[in-house]
C-alpha cells in the first residue's frame, strides 16, 4: 500500500511545474489524475468561473506554452487540441475537487495537497541547509584571507635581506 502511495506521490510531483513563481499543475494532468476527460474538467471550470480567481487558476500565454513544450513538460500544440492549457495553483487544485464532486477527485485532491505540503517542508529544510552552507562559505573565505596573510608574512621573513652598507667608522683594511 505504501509503495503504491509513494509511486502516486512521485507521479504527482512529476506533474508539478514552477510557473510565474508558483507551483502549478496543468489541466490535462489533473484530468488524468481525477480520471475525467480534460474537456469535461474545463467545462466545469467555465461553469464555476467565480470559484477560480487569478491566484487559483490562469491560462498559459503563448510564450509560456512554447517554453513548456521546449522543456518537454507538455506535448506540442497539436497534441493539446489547439487550446492553451490552464494552470492550477495549490488552492485551485483544492477548489477543482469541490467543483468536480467525484470521490476520485476528492481522494486525489487530498493526495495532491499532501504532496504540495511535503514539497513546501522540503523547501524550508533545504533553505536552512543552504543558509548554513552560505555561513560556512563565508567563514572559509575569511580563513582563506587570513591564511594568505600568514603566507605573505612568511615569504617576507624567508627572503634574504640585501646586504646593507655598514655605517660608522671603518678601519683602513676594511675599505
Protein backbone atom coordinates (compact mmCIF):
# COMPACT_ATOMS: atom_id res chain seq x y z
CA UNK A 1 0.00 0.00 0.00
CA UNK A 2 2.72 2.50 0.98
CA UNK A 3 4.65 1.58 -2.17
CA UNK A 4 1.59 2.50 -4.25
CA UNK A 5 1.25 5.80 -2.40
CA UNK A 6 4.95 6.53 -2.93
CA UNK A 7 4.57 5.85 -6.66
CA UNK A 8 1.47 8.04 -6.76
CA UNK A 9 3.28 10.83 -4.91
CA UNK A 10 6.16 10.61 -7.37
CA UNK A 11 3.72 10.75 -10.30
CA UNK A 12 2.12 13.84 -8.78
CA UNK A 13 5.49 15.52 -8.14
CA UNK A 14 6.43 14.94 -11.79
CA UNK A 15 3.30 16.85 -12.81
CA UNK A 16 4.02 19.93 -10.67
CA UNK A 17 5.75 22.78 -12.51
CA UNK A 18 7.06 26.17 -11.47
CA UNK A 19 5.47 28.96 -13.48
CA UNK A 20 5.08 32.66 -12.66
CA UNK A 21 6.81 31.98 -9.36
CA UNK A 22 4.14 29.48 -8.28
CA UNK A 23 3.93 25.71 -8.18
CA UNK A 24 1.18 24.72 -10.61
CA UNK A 25 -0.43 21.69 -12.21
CA UNK A 26 -1.81 21.68 -15.74
CA UNK A 27 -5.43 20.89 -16.53
CA UNK A 28 -4.61 17.82 -18.62
CA UNK A 29 -2.51 16.32 -15.79
CA UNK A 30 -5.25 16.96 -13.23
CA UNK A 31 -7.84 15.45 -15.56
CA UNK A 32 -5.69 12.33 -15.82
CA UNK A 33 -5.31 12.10 -12.03
CA UNK A 34 -9.01 12.79 -11.41
CA UNK A 35 -9.93 10.25 -14.12
CA UNK A 36 -12.01 12.69 -16.17
CA UNK A 37 -11.61 13.95 -19.71
CA UNK A 38 -9.77 17.28 -19.98
CA UNK A 39 -12.68 18.84 -21.87
CA UNK A 40 -15.08 17.93 -19.03
CA UNK A 41 -12.71 19.44 -16.50
CA UNK A 42 -12.53 22.71 -18.46
CA UNK A 43 -16.33 22.74 -18.82
CA UNK A 44 -16.76 22.51 -15.04
CA UNK A 45 -14.24 25.28 -14.55
CA UNK A 46 -16.07 27.53 -17.03
CA UNK A 47 -19.40 26.83 -15.31
CA UNK A 48 -17.88 27.80 -11.96
CA UNK A 49 -15.62 30.65 -13.09
CA UNK A 50 -16.29 32.67 -9.91
CA UNK A 51 -14.57 29.95 -7.84
CA UNK A 52 -11.30 30.31 -9.74
CA UNK A 53 -9.73 33.74 -9.34
CA UNK A 54 -6.38 34.51 -10.97
CA UNK A 55 -4.40 33.24 -7.96
CA UNK A 56 -6.21 29.85 -8.17
CA UNK A 57 -6.09 29.31 -11.93
CA UNK A 58 -4.81 31.04 -15.05
CA UNK A 59 -4.42 30.21 -18.71
CA UNK A 60 -0.89 29.93 -20.05
CA UNK A 61 0.23 32.55 -22.53
CA UNK A 62 1.54 31.51 -25.93
CA UNK A 63 5.13 32.17 -24.77
CA UNK A 64 4.67 30.13 -21.58
CA UNK A 65 3.19 27.24 -23.57
CA UNK A 66 6.12 27.36 -26.01
CA UNK A 67 8.57 27.31 -23.10
CA UNK A 68 6.77 24.31 -21.58
CA UNK A 69 6.84 22.50 -24.95
CA UNK A 70 10.57 23.20 -25.37
CA UNK A 71 11.24 21.76 -21.89
CA UNK A 72 9.17 18.66 -22.76
CA UNK A 73 6.79 19.48 -19.92
CA UNK A 74 3.86 19.38 -22.33
CA UNK A 75 3.47 17.90 -25.80
CA UNK A 76 3.18 20.01 -28.92
CA UNK A 77 0.29 22.39 -29.53
CA UNK A 78 -1.28 19.94 -31.98
CA UNK A 79 -1.48 17.36 -29.21
CA UNK A 80 -3.17 19.90 -26.92
CA UNK A 81 -6.03 20.29 -29.35
CA UNK A 82 -5.19 23.87 -30.24
CA UNK A 83 -6.03 25.39 -26.85
CA UNK A 84 -3.69 26.92 -24.31
CA UNK A 85 -3.64 24.86 -21.11
CA UNK A 86 -4.95 26.09 -17.78
CA UNK A 87 -2.62 26.10 -14.79
CA UNK A 88 -3.99 25.45 -11.29
CA UNK A 89 -2.21 26.54 -8.13
CA UNK A 90 -2.45 24.57 -4.89
CA UNK A 91 -5.66 26.42 -4.00
CA UNK A 92 -7.06 25.86 -7.47
CA UNK A 93 -6.46 22.12 -7.18
CA UNK A 94 -8.48 22.02 -3.98
CA UNK A 95 -11.29 24.09 -5.48
CA UNK A 96 -11.32 21.87 -8.55
CA UNK A 97 -12.10 18.82 -6.41
CA UNK A 98 -15.09 20.70 -4.97
CA UNK A 99 -16.34 21.53 -8.46
CA UNK A 100 -15.93 18.01 -9.86
CA UNK A 101 -17.57 16.38 -6.81
CA UNK A 102 -16.40 12.86 -7.54
CA UNK A 103 -14.94 10.53 -4.96
CA UNK A 104 -11.82 10.04 -7.07
CA UNK A 105 -11.35 13.81 -7.41
CA UNK A 106 -11.62 14.30 -3.65
CA UNK A 107 -9.15 11.48 -2.90
CA UNK A 108 -6.67 12.69 -5.49
CA UNK A 109 -7.04 16.28 -4.33
CA UNK A 110 -6.10 15.24 -0.79
CA UNK A 111 -3.01 13.40 -2.11
CA UNK A 112 -2.02 16.37 -4.26
CA UNK A 113 -2.35 18.80 -1.34
CA UNK A 114 -0.27 16.46 0.84
CA UNK A 115 2.42 16.42 -1.86
CA UNK A 116 2.36 20.24 -2.06
CA UNK A 117 2.79 20.39 1.74
CA UNK A 118 5.69 17.89 1.63
CA UNK A 119 7.36 19.94 -1.09
CA UNK A 120 6.97 23.10 0.98
CA UNK A 121 8.50 21.35 4.02
CA UNK A 122 11.41 20.07 1.93
CA UNK A 123 11.97 23.55 0.54
CA UNK A 124 12.07 25.02 4.05
CA UNK A 125 14.52 22.39 5.31
CA UNK A 126 16.68 22.88 2.21
CA UNK A 127 16.57 26.62 2.81
CA UNK A 128 18.03 26.10 6.30
CA UNK A 129 20.76 23.88 4.89
CA UNK A 130 21.53 26.45 2.19
CA UNK A 131 21.78 29.20 4.81
CA UNK A 132 24.22 27.11 6.88
CA UNK A 133 26.30 26.39 3.77
CA UNK A 134 26.47 30.10 2.96
CA UNK A 135 27.61 30.85 6.52
CA UNK A 136 30.26 28.14 6.25
CA UNK A 137 31.42 29.52 2.91
CA UNK A 138 31.73 32.98 4.45
CA UNK A 139 33.87 31.58 7.29
CA UNK A 140 36.05 29.68 4.84
CA UNK A 141 36.57 32.85 2.79
CA UNK A 142 37.64 34.69 5.94
CA UNK A 143 40.04 31.88 6.82
CA UNK A 144 41.44 31.92 3.29
CA UNK A 145 42.29 35.60 3.54
CA UNK A 146 43.90 35.09 6.97
CA UNK A 147 45.96 32.15 5.69
CA UNK A 148 47.04 34.25 2.70
CA UNK A 149 48.27 36.97 5.08
CA UNK A 150 50.27 34.37 7.04
CA UNK A 151 51.90 33.11 3.83
CA UNK A 152 52.78 36.66 2.81
CA UNK A 153 54.44 37.29 6.19
CA UNK A 154 56.35 34.01 5.93
CA UNK A 155 57.58 34.93 2.44
CA UNK A 156 58.80 38.27 3.74
CA UNK A 157 60.66 36.55 6.54
CA UNK A 158 62.23 33.97 4.22
CA UNK A 159 63.58 36.38 1.64
CA UNK A 160 67.22 37.14 2.35
CA UNK A 161 67.66 40.78 3.10
CA UNK A 162 70.05 42.70 0.85
CA UNK A 163 73.37 43.49 2.44
CA UNK A 164 73.20 46.96 3.75
CA UNK A 165 76.09 49.31 3.67
CA UNK A 166 77.55 49.46 7.12
CA UNK A 167 77.66 52.79 8.77
CA UNK A 168 80.13 54.04 11.27
CA UNK A 169 83.91 54.19 11.49
CA UNK A 170 85.88 51.88 9.25
CA UNK A 171 89.39 50.71 9.67
CA UNK A 172 91.83 51.17 6.84
CA UNK A 173 91.93 47.47 5.97
CA UNK A 174 88.09 47.27 5.62
CA UNK A 175 87.70 49.90 2.91
